[in-house]
Protein backbone atom coordinates (compact mmCIF):
# COMPACT_ATOMS: atom_id res chain seq x y z
CA UNK A 1 46.95 192.20 -130.76
CA UNK A 2 44.62 192.64 -133.65
CA UNK A 3 44.51 189.72 -136.27
CA UNK A 4 45.83 192.15 -138.82
CA UNK A 5 48.90 193.01 -136.73
CA UNK A 6 49.31 189.29 -136.09
CA UNK A 7 49.30 188.33 -139.19
CA UNK A 8 51.93 190.92 -140.52
CA UNK A 9 54.01 189.65 -137.32
CA UNK A 10 53.22 185.62 -138.63
CA UNK A 11 54.39 186.57 -142.38
CA UNK A 12 57.66 188.19 -140.98
CA UNK A 13 58.48 185.14 -138.85
CA UNK A 14 57.56 182.79 -141.55
CA UNK A 15 60.00 184.31 -143.84
CA UNK A 16 62.85 184.28 -141.00
CA UNK A 17 62.46 180.97 -139.92
CA UNK A 18 61.74 179.18 -143.22
CA UNK A 19 64.29 180.88 -145.18
CA UNK A 20 66.99 179.72 -142.70
CA UNK A 21 65.76 176.22 -143.36
CA UNK A 22 66.82 176.20 -146.82
CA UNK A 23 39.01 196.81 -148.82
CA UNK A 24 36.01 194.84 -147.59
CA UNK A 25 33.29 195.92 -144.98
CA UNK A 26 33.44 194.42 -141.43
CA UNK A 27 30.74 191.86 -142.26
CA UNK A 28 32.74 188.74 -143.37
CA UNK A 29 32.49 187.79 -146.98
CA UNK A 30 32.97 184.88 -148.53
CA UNK A 31 36.04 184.75 -151.22
CA UNK A 32 35.40 184.79 -154.93
CA UNK A 33 34.87 181.14 -156.47
CA UNK A 34 36.19 181.55 -159.75
CA UNK A 35 39.53 180.60 -158.63
CA UNK A 36 41.14 182.27 -161.73
CA UNK A 37 44.69 181.30 -161.99
CA UNK A 38 47.24 183.73 -163.09
CA UNK A 39 47.10 184.54 -166.94
CA UNK A 40 50.58 182.73 -167.74
CA UNK A 41 48.32 179.65 -167.66
CA UNK A 42 46.51 180.46 -170.81
CA UNK A 43 49.62 179.86 -172.52
CA UNK A 44 50.43 176.05 -171.61
CA UNK A 45 48.21 173.71 -173.51
CA UNK A 46 46.83 170.49 -171.70
CA UNK A 47 47.24 167.36 -173.46
CA UNK A 48 44.15 165.94 -175.50
CA UNK A 49 42.03 163.98 -173.76
CA UNK A 50 43.57 164.73 -170.05
CA UNK A 51 41.93 163.15 -167.15
CA UNK A 52 43.72 163.80 -163.98
CA UNK A 53 43.92 162.05 -160.65
CA UNK A 54 44.92 163.69 -157.35
CA UNK A 55 45.73 162.23 -153.93
CA UNK A 56 44.81 164.53 -151.01
CA UNK A 57 42.64 164.75 -148.22
CA UNK A 58 39.26 165.04 -149.42
CA UNK A 59 37.06 168.30 -147.80
CA UNK A 60 34.61 170.85 -149.20
CA UNK A 61 37.44 173.01 -150.05
CA UNK A 62 38.85 170.39 -152.64
CA UNK A 63 35.40 169.60 -153.99
CA UNK A 64 34.98 173.23 -154.66
CA UNK A 65 38.43 173.97 -156.12
CA UNK A 66 38.05 170.84 -158.53
CA UNK A 67 34.46 171.97 -159.73
CA UNK A 68 36.07 175.45 -160.42
CA UNK A 69 38.92 173.85 -162.13
CA UNK A 70 36.98 171.33 -164.55
CA UNK A 71 34.80 174.34 -165.39
CA UNK A 72 37.57 176.67 -166.50
CA UNK A 73 39.59 173.96 -168.39
CA UNK A 74 37.41 171.63 -169.19
CA UNK A 75 39.29 168.65 -167.57
CA UNK A 76 38.09 165.99 -165.38
CA UNK A 77 39.71 165.58 -162.09
CA UNK A 78 39.09 162.57 -159.62
CA UNK A 79 40.13 163.13 -156.21
CA UNK A 80 41.08 160.08 -154.11
CA UNK A 81 41.23 160.52 -150.16
CA UNK A 82 44.68 160.11 -149.10
CA UNK A 83 46.30 161.78 -145.85
CA UNK A 84 49.20 163.79 -146.41
CA UNK A 85 51.68 161.70 -144.67
CA UNK A 86 50.81 158.47 -147.00
CA UNK A 87 50.81 160.16 -150.73
CA UNK A 88 54.71 160.17 -151.38
CA UNK A 89 55.21 156.74 -149.91
CA UNK A 90 52.14 155.23 -152.11
CA UNK A 91 53.51 157.06 -155.09
CA UNK A 92 56.88 155.09 -154.67
CA UNK A 93 55.05 151.58 -155.29
CA UNK A 94 52.30 152.86 -157.66
CA UNK A 95 54.01 155.36 -159.49
CA UNK A 96 55.93 152.56 -161.62
CA UNK A 97 53.31 149.95 -161.75
CA UNK A 98 51.27 152.89 -163.70
CA UNK A 99 48.61 153.32 -160.54
CA UNK A 100 49.59 156.40 -159.31
CA UNK A 101 48.22 159.93 -159.24
CA UNK A 102 48.97 162.83 -161.57
CA UNK A 103 49.17 165.01 -158.49
CA UNK A 104 50.12 164.54 -154.83
CA UNK A 105 49.86 166.77 -151.98
CA UNK A 106 52.53 166.57 -148.88
CA UNK A 107 54.39 168.78 -146.65
CA UNK A 108 57.97 170.39 -147.32
CA UNK A 109 59.92 167.84 -145.07
CA UNK A 110 59.74 165.15 -148.08
CA UNK A 111 60.93 167.42 -150.84
CA UNK A 112 64.70 166.40 -150.51
CA UNK A 113 63.44 162.75 -150.41
CA UNK A 114 60.85 162.99 -153.39
CA UNK A 115 63.47 165.17 -155.72
CA UNK A 116 66.36 162.61 -155.05
CA UNK A 117 64.43 159.81 -155.60
CA UNK A 118 62.87 161.45 -158.99
CA UNK A 119 59.45 161.22 -158.05
CA UNK A 120 58.20 164.77 -158.93
CA UNK A 121 58.70 167.27 -161.54
CA UNK A 122 60.30 170.27 -161.33
CA UNK A 123 57.91 173.47 -161.16
CA UNK A 124 59.59 174.70 -164.34
CA UNK A 125 57.01 176.45 -166.87
CA UNK A 126 55.55 178.55 -163.83
CA UNK A 127 58.50 178.92 -161.63
CA UNK A 128 59.31 182.50 -162.22
CA UNK A 129 55.55 183.40 -161.77
CA UNK A 130 55.34 181.14 -158.59
CA UNK A 131 58.59 183.07 -156.91
CA UNK A 132 56.87 186.39 -157.85
CA UNK A 133 53.86 185.33 -156.25
CA UNK A 134 54.92 183.30 -153.00
CA UNK A 135 56.58 184.52 -149.78
CA UNK A 136 60.62 183.55 -150.22
CA UNK A 137 60.55 181.13 -147.33
CA UNK A 138 57.65 178.90 -148.95
CA UNK A 139 59.76 178.68 -151.95
CA UNK A 140 62.99 177.80 -150.05
CA UNK A 141 60.94 175.01 -148.63
CA UNK A 142 59.61 173.45 -151.42
CA UNK A 143 62.91 173.46 -153.39
CA UNK A 144 65.68 171.22 -153.38
CA UNK A 145 69.48 171.86 -154.54
CA UNK A 146 67.91 175.13 -156.19
CA UNK A 147 65.32 173.64 -158.04
CA UNK A 148 61.49 174.51 -157.23
CA UNK A 149 59.74 171.48 -157.38
CA UNK A 150 56.22 172.62 -155.41
CA UNK A 151 53.56 174.73 -156.03
CA UNK A 152 52.77 176.20 -152.61
CA UNK A 153 49.38 176.13 -151.33
CA UNK A 154 49.36 177.39 -147.61
CA UNK A 155 51.59 177.38 -144.05
CA UNK A 156 50.54 174.32 -141.72
CA UNK A 157 51.50 174.09 -138.15
CA UNK A 158 49.28 172.57 -135.33
CA UNK A 159 47.93 174.08 -131.98
CA UNK A 160 45.37 173.09 -129.03
CA UNK A 161 41.75 172.47 -130.41
CA UNK A 162 39.33 173.33 -127.15
CA UNK A 163 36.04 172.18 -126.59
CA UNK A 164 34.74 174.99 -124.70
CA UNK A 165 31.56 173.05 -123.66
CA UNK A 166 33.73 170.86 -121.31
CA UNK A 167 36.74 173.15 -120.86
CA UNK A 168 34.83 176.22 -120.03
CA UNK A 169 36.48 179.49 -120.57
CA UNK A 170 40.11 178.73 -119.04
CA UNK A 171 42.76 180.49 -120.76
CA UNK A 172 44.79 177.50 -121.02
CA UNK A 173 48.09 179.49 -120.72
CA UNK A 174 50.26 176.81 -118.85
CA UNK A 175 50.24 172.77 -118.60
CA UNK A 176 49.34 173.12 -114.80
CA UNK A 177 45.95 174.48 -116.20
CA UNK A 178 45.82 171.69 -118.63
CA UNK A 179 46.49 169.06 -116.13
CA UNK A 180 44.31 170.29 -113.63
CA UNK A 181 41.33 170.64 -116.19
CA UNK A 182 42.01 167.31 -117.69
CA UNK A 183 41.99 165.53 -114.21
CA UNK A 184 38.41 167.00 -113.37
CA UNK A 185 37.24 165.92 -117.16
CA UNK A 186 38.52 162.57 -117.32
CA UNK A 187 36.33 159.39 -117.47
CA UNK A 188 38.76 156.82 -119.07
CA UNK A 189 36.28 153.74 -118.66
CA UNK A 190 33.75 155.77 -120.45
CA UNK A 191 36.15 157.04 -123.09
CA UNK A 192 35.95 160.74 -121.85
CA UNK A 193 39.41 162.64 -121.73
CA UNK A 194 40.40 165.92 -120.49
CA UNK A 195 43.37 165.67 -122.94
CA UNK A 196 44.62 163.85 -126.02
CA UNK A 197 47.54 164.05 -128.58
CA UNK A 198 49.02 161.44 -130.71
CA UNK A 199 51.82 160.29 -128.27
CA UNK A 200 53.09 158.10 -131.02
CA UNK A 201 54.11 160.91 -133.38
CA UNK A 202 57.28 162.72 -133.70
CA UNK A 203 55.87 165.26 -135.33
CA UNK A 204 53.91 166.52 -132.23
CA UNK A 205 56.35 165.39 -129.96
CA UNK A 206 59.19 167.28 -131.09
CA UNK A 207 57.48 170.57 -129.99
CA UNK A 208 58.23 169.72 -126.44
CA UNK A 209 62.05 168.60 -127.40
CA UNK A 210 62.06 172.20 -129.51
CA UNK A 211 60.98 174.28 -126.84
CA UNK A 212 63.92 173.10 -124.22
CA UNK A 213 66.53 173.88 -126.77
CA UNK A 214 66.47 169.91 -128.75
CA UNK A 215 66.98 169.87 -132.64
CA UNK A 216 66.83 167.58 -135.05
CA UNK A 217 69.64 168.61 -137.59
CA UNK A 218 72.05 171.71 -136.64
CA UNK A 219 72.77 174.78 -138.91
CA UNK A 220 68.68 175.30 -139.04
CA UNK A 221 68.05 171.78 -140.28
CA UNK A 222 70.54 171.65 -142.93
CA UNK A 223 73.64 169.59 -141.26
CA UNK A 224 73.20 165.91 -141.68
CA UNK A 225 75.97 165.52 -139.47
CA UNK A 226 74.89 167.46 -136.39
CA UNK A 227 72.08 165.53 -134.45
CA UNK A 228 70.31 167.27 -131.26
CA UNK A 229 67.71 164.58 -130.68
CA UNK A 230 69.52 163.33 -127.43
CA UNK A 231 70.86 166.58 -126.28
CA UNK A 232 69.96 168.13 -122.91
CA UNK A 233 67.19 169.96 -124.26
CA UNK A 234 65.63 166.66 -125.94
CA UNK A 235 65.93 164.96 -122.69
CA UNK A 236 64.23 167.51 -120.97
CA UNK A 237 61.78 167.76 -123.47
CA UNK A 238 61.20 164.05 -123.24
CA UNK A 239 60.51 164.48 -119.61
CA UNK A 240 58.04 166.73 -119.64
CA UNK A 241 56.29 164.54 -122.64
CA UNK A 242 56.21 161.65 -120.29
CA UNK A 243 54.86 163.55 -117.52
CA UNK A 244 51.36 163.72 -119.43
CA UNK A 245 50.97 160.29 -119.19
CA UNK A 246 49.36 161.33 -115.59
CA UNK A 247 46.15 162.99 -117.60
CA UNK A 248 46.43 160.78 -120.50
CA UNK A 249 47.03 156.93 -118.83
CA UNK A 250 46.48 154.82 -122.02
CA UNK A 251 48.92 152.98 -124.35
CA UNK A 252 51.12 155.04 -126.55
CA UNK A 253 49.96 152.99 -129.71
CA UNK A 254 46.12 153.45 -128.85
CA UNK A 255 46.06 156.91 -129.65
CA UNK A 256 45.95 156.99 -133.41
CA UNK A 257 44.74 159.94 -135.50
CA UNK A 258 41.33 158.47 -136.41
CA UNK A 259 40.89 157.52 -132.66
CA UNK A 260 41.45 160.92 -131.50
CA UNK A 261 39.58 162.53 -134.29
CA UNK A 262 36.45 160.79 -134.01
CA UNK A 263 36.62 161.11 -129.83
CA UNK A 264 36.99 164.86 -130.23
CA UNK A 265 34.02 165.09 -132.73
CA UNK A 266 31.76 163.28 -130.48
CA UNK A 267 32.41 165.76 -127.71
CA UNK A 268 34.56 163.31 -125.25
CA UNK A 269 37.97 165.04 -125.67
CA UNK A 270 38.26 168.75 -123.78
CA UNK A 271 41.88 169.50 -125.06
CA UNK A 272 43.06 168.17 -128.46
CA UNK A 273 46.58 169.00 -130.11
CA UNK A 274 46.05 168.81 -133.82
CA UNK A 275 46.75 169.93 -136.80
CA UNK A 276 45.38 172.56 -139.24
CA UNK A 277 45.49 169.97 -142.02
CA UNK A 278 42.77 168.05 -139.84
CA UNK A 279 40.78 171.20 -139.32
CA UNK A 280 38.12 170.17 -141.95
CA UNK A 281 37.22 167.17 -139.58
CA UNK A 282 35.98 169.55 -136.95
CA UNK A 283 33.68 171.64 -139.24
CA UNK A 284 30.36 170.51 -137.68
CA UNK A 285 31.39 169.37 -134.23
CA UNK A 286 28.13 169.69 -131.51
CA UNK A 287 30.16 171.78 -129.45
CA UNK A 288 31.82 175.57 -129.18
CA UNK A 289 35.28 175.28 -130.75
CA UNK A 290 38.12 177.29 -130.03
CA UNK A 291 41.97 176.92 -131.17
CA UNK A 292 44.55 178.20 -128.70
CA UNK A 293 48.56 178.10 -128.77
CA UNK A 294 50.11 175.33 -127.09
CA UNK A 295 50.48 176.00 -123.56
CA UNK A 296 53.85 176.91 -121.73
CA UNK A 297 56.04 174.16 -120.01
CA UNK A 298 57.36 174.26 -116.95
CA UNK A 299 60.47 177.18 -116.92
CA UNK A 300 58.53 179.28 -118.93
CA UNK A 301 59.11 177.68 -122.08
CA UNK A 302 56.99 177.75 -125.16
CA UNK A 303 56.61 174.37 -127.07
CA UNK A 304 57.85 175.19 -130.41
CA UNK A 305 55.24 173.42 -132.84
CA UNK A 306 56.85 172.32 -136.71
CA UNK A 307 55.54 174.46 -139.40
CA UNK A 308 55.56 173.27 -142.80
CA UNK A 309 54.43 174.32 -146.52
CA UNK A 310 51.87 172.35 -148.06
CA UNK A 311 52.02 172.13 -151.75
CA UNK A 312 50.75 170.20 -154.79
CA UNK A 313 53.33 168.26 -156.75
CA UNK A 314 53.26 166.91 -160.29
CA UNK A 315 54.04 163.32 -160.48
CA UNK A 316 57.42 161.96 -162.45
CA UNK A 317 54.81 159.50 -163.73
CA UNK A 318 52.22 161.51 -165.22
CA UNK A 319 51.01 161.21 -168.62
CA UNK A 320 49.64 164.58 -168.44
CA UNK A 321 52.26 166.71 -167.27
CA UNK A 322 50.63 169.86 -168.92
CA UNK A 323 47.45 169.35 -167.36
CA UNK A 324 48.72 168.42 -164.21
CA UNK A 325 50.94 172.07 -164.14
CA UNK A 326 47.88 173.72 -164.81
CA UNK A 327 45.98 172.21 -161.93
CA UNK A 328 48.90 172.57 -159.58
CA UNK A 329 49.18 176.57 -160.38
CA UNK A 330 45.63 176.81 -160.40
CA UNK A 331 45.20 175.69 -156.63
CA UNK A 332 48.21 177.68 -155.95
CA UNK A 333 46.40 181.15 -157.29
CA UNK A 334 45.54 183.58 -154.62
CA UNK A 335 41.79 182.80 -155.10
CA UNK A 336 42.14 179.52 -154.04
CA UNK A 337 44.37 180.07 -151.17
CA UNK A 338 42.02 182.43 -149.82
CA UNK A 339 39.25 180.14 -150.31
CA UNK A 340 41.15 177.60 -148.19
CA UNK A 341 41.54 179.72 -145.52
CA UNK A 342 38.12 180.74 -145.13
CA UNK A 343 37.00 177.30 -145.70
CA UNK A 344 39.71 175.13 -143.91
CA UNK A 345 41.42 177.71 -141.64
CA UNK A 346 45.21 177.09 -143.37
CA UNK A 347 47.34 180.28 -143.78
CA UNK A 348 48.14 181.28 -147.41
CA UNK A 349 51.68 181.78 -148.78
CA UNK A 350 50.61 184.23 -151.34
CA UNK A 351 52.55 187.34 -150.80
CA UNK A 352 50.44 190.63 -149.68
CA UNK A 353 47.59 188.82 -148.47
CA UNK A 354 48.06 189.86 -144.67
CA UNK A 355 45.74 192.59 -144.77
CA UNK A 356 42.71 190.27 -146.21
CA UNK A 357 43.33 187.93 -143.73
CA UNK A 358 41.46 190.30 -141.10
CA UNK A 359 38.10 189.84 -142.61
CA UNK A 360 38.41 186.30 -141.52
CA UNK A 361 38.28 187.41 -137.73
CA UNK A 362 35.33 185.13 -136.80
CA UNK A 363 37.27 181.75 -137.83
CA UNK A 364 38.86 180.00 -134.74
CA UNK A 365 41.10 177.95 -136.44
CA UNK A 366 42.89 180.23 -138.69
CA UNK A 367 42.96 182.56 -135.68
CA UNK A 368 44.71 179.74 -133.32
CA UNK A 369 47.10 178.75 -136.06
CA UNK A 370 48.03 182.62 -136.72
CA UNK A 371 48.89 182.98 -133.18
CA UNK A 372 50.71 179.51 -132.95
CA UNK A 373 52.67 180.17 -135.60
CA UNK A 374 54.73 182.89 -133.71
CA UNK A 375 56.24 179.96 -131.99
CA UNK A 376 57.30 177.40 -134.51
CA UNK A 377 60.37 175.93 -135.99
CA UNK A 378 60.14 174.97 -139.91
CA UNK A 379 60.80 171.31 -140.55
CA UNK A 380 63.94 170.13 -142.29
CA UNK A 381 63.65 169.19 -146.08
CA UNK A 382 66.85 167.39 -146.26
CA UNK A 383 66.10 163.67 -147.67
CA UNK A 384 67.77 162.38 -144.13
CA UNK A 385 64.23 163.42 -142.50
CA UNK A 386 63.08 160.16 -143.40
CA UNK A 387 65.59 158.56 -140.67
CA UNK A 388 64.22 161.23 -138.02
CA UNK A 389 60.62 159.79 -138.56
CA UNK A 390 61.79 155.93 -138.85
CA UNK A 391 63.82 156.00 -135.68
CA UNK A 392 62.26 158.43 -133.33
CA UNK A 393 58.64 156.86 -133.87
CA UNK A 394 59.62 153.48 -131.89
CA UNK A 395 61.38 155.67 -129.29
CA UNK A 396 58.36 157.34 -128.06
CA UNK A 397 56.70 154.24 -127.31
CA UNK A 398 59.38 153.14 -125.19
CA UNK A 399 59.69 156.34 -123.49
CA UNK A 400 56.01 156.67 -122.86
CA UNK A 401 56.38 152.94 -121.29
CA UNK A 402 59.15 154.06 -118.76
CA UNK A 403 62.67 153.35 -120.56
CA UNK A 404 65.76 155.38 -119.72
CA UNK A 405 65.00 158.54 -121.51
CA UNK A 406 68.55 159.69 -122.29
CA UNK A 407 69.94 156.05 -123.23
CA UNK A 408 66.75 155.40 -125.31
CA UNK A 409 67.47 158.82 -126.98
CA UNK A 410 71.19 158.16 -127.56
CA UNK A 411 70.17 154.66 -129.16
CA UNK A 412 68.11 156.63 -131.85
CA UNK A 413 70.37 159.28 -132.48
CA UNK A 414 73.32 156.69 -133.12
CA UNK A 415 70.69 154.81 -135.38
CA UNK A 416 69.79 157.81 -137.36
CA UNK A 417 73.51 158.28 -137.78
CA UNK A 418 74.18 154.66 -138.85
CA UNK A 419 71.09 155.30 -141.50
CA UNK A 420 72.85 158.39 -142.93
CA UNK A 421 76.05 156.98 -143.53
CA UNK A 422 74.77 153.89 -145.03
CA UNK A 423 72.00 155.40 -146.60
CA UNK A 424 69.43 152.83 -145.54
CA UNK A 425 66.86 152.55 -142.77
């Protein structure tokens, strides 16, 4: 299937999945660098002397985007390198102390938590424009109780990053292939691995549970009283997860994001499950890089990777709400989303860009992400999602180390129920 067709299918799938949860030449051309936001931004005036602090991952795209914004608005922006999963929790402590950022970036699974906790401001001034320019599924994802909070930037998911110098031209369509290749490459004493993933992260492991019919919350992620993390599908998915220990025979807690990223960058890992959000880390790897969808599991079942919408959010503690809204809106503009797709490989959520993605056919990360997106499920965004992360993370270590899977999952589900009932971890 051609990239253009795949992109069209992708956007349709995104709209279906996430809504349930709440003319250039053939030669590649770099997108425009002016990053001009839409005309409505001219009507909102930034506060005098405004200076902004932003928490998100530092990469080439963010450096260029900030430079474009500063030039256009004459507002200084300080970027602090904070990973997406850490921004909101850090704001909970630093915000009240006056040390927080004016804008933060995180995945839509935390929207309910952030809104309910009063940590972020609604996307009010640009709400209608954001709705008009963004695919509906992304709007639903960054909204809570019918209020839009986010300024959507892109869709993210995860797939298999491939070191073709180590792996060769294998199709990687099944996990049997992955296991066979990994056993040939593995040289554990010398830190060389055929396959790696963060085995202590529910975010990645959930794909196996989802593939066999497991789920977190019922009614497409909206029913906090219907839990499925110990159902038959989840148990089967966790059994498959533990089978990967035969090709990754190291401690669950030793495989951190930093360790795995470093080893892959050095060319010591053949196959690496990672997110599009970490793509910038592999921009200059010394080997031929490819990205392919997650292979099929036994029973011809596709792992269903989590999909999410990443957005900028304005902190409720900012002293410069107008300037912050201008920046968030600027980052959600079409130019910025297309520039991110070119430089990083993330999938834009701006309406009508599917045809334009065809000109990026030589970008392996973007190609792989688009193909994987056909087999994803959206992360729930209700506040109770925090109890899933908190209770399932320690469960993974127990399962990896040989604990009874059914009993372990049932215990984790019971703890989730207790947390939901009491409102505490």
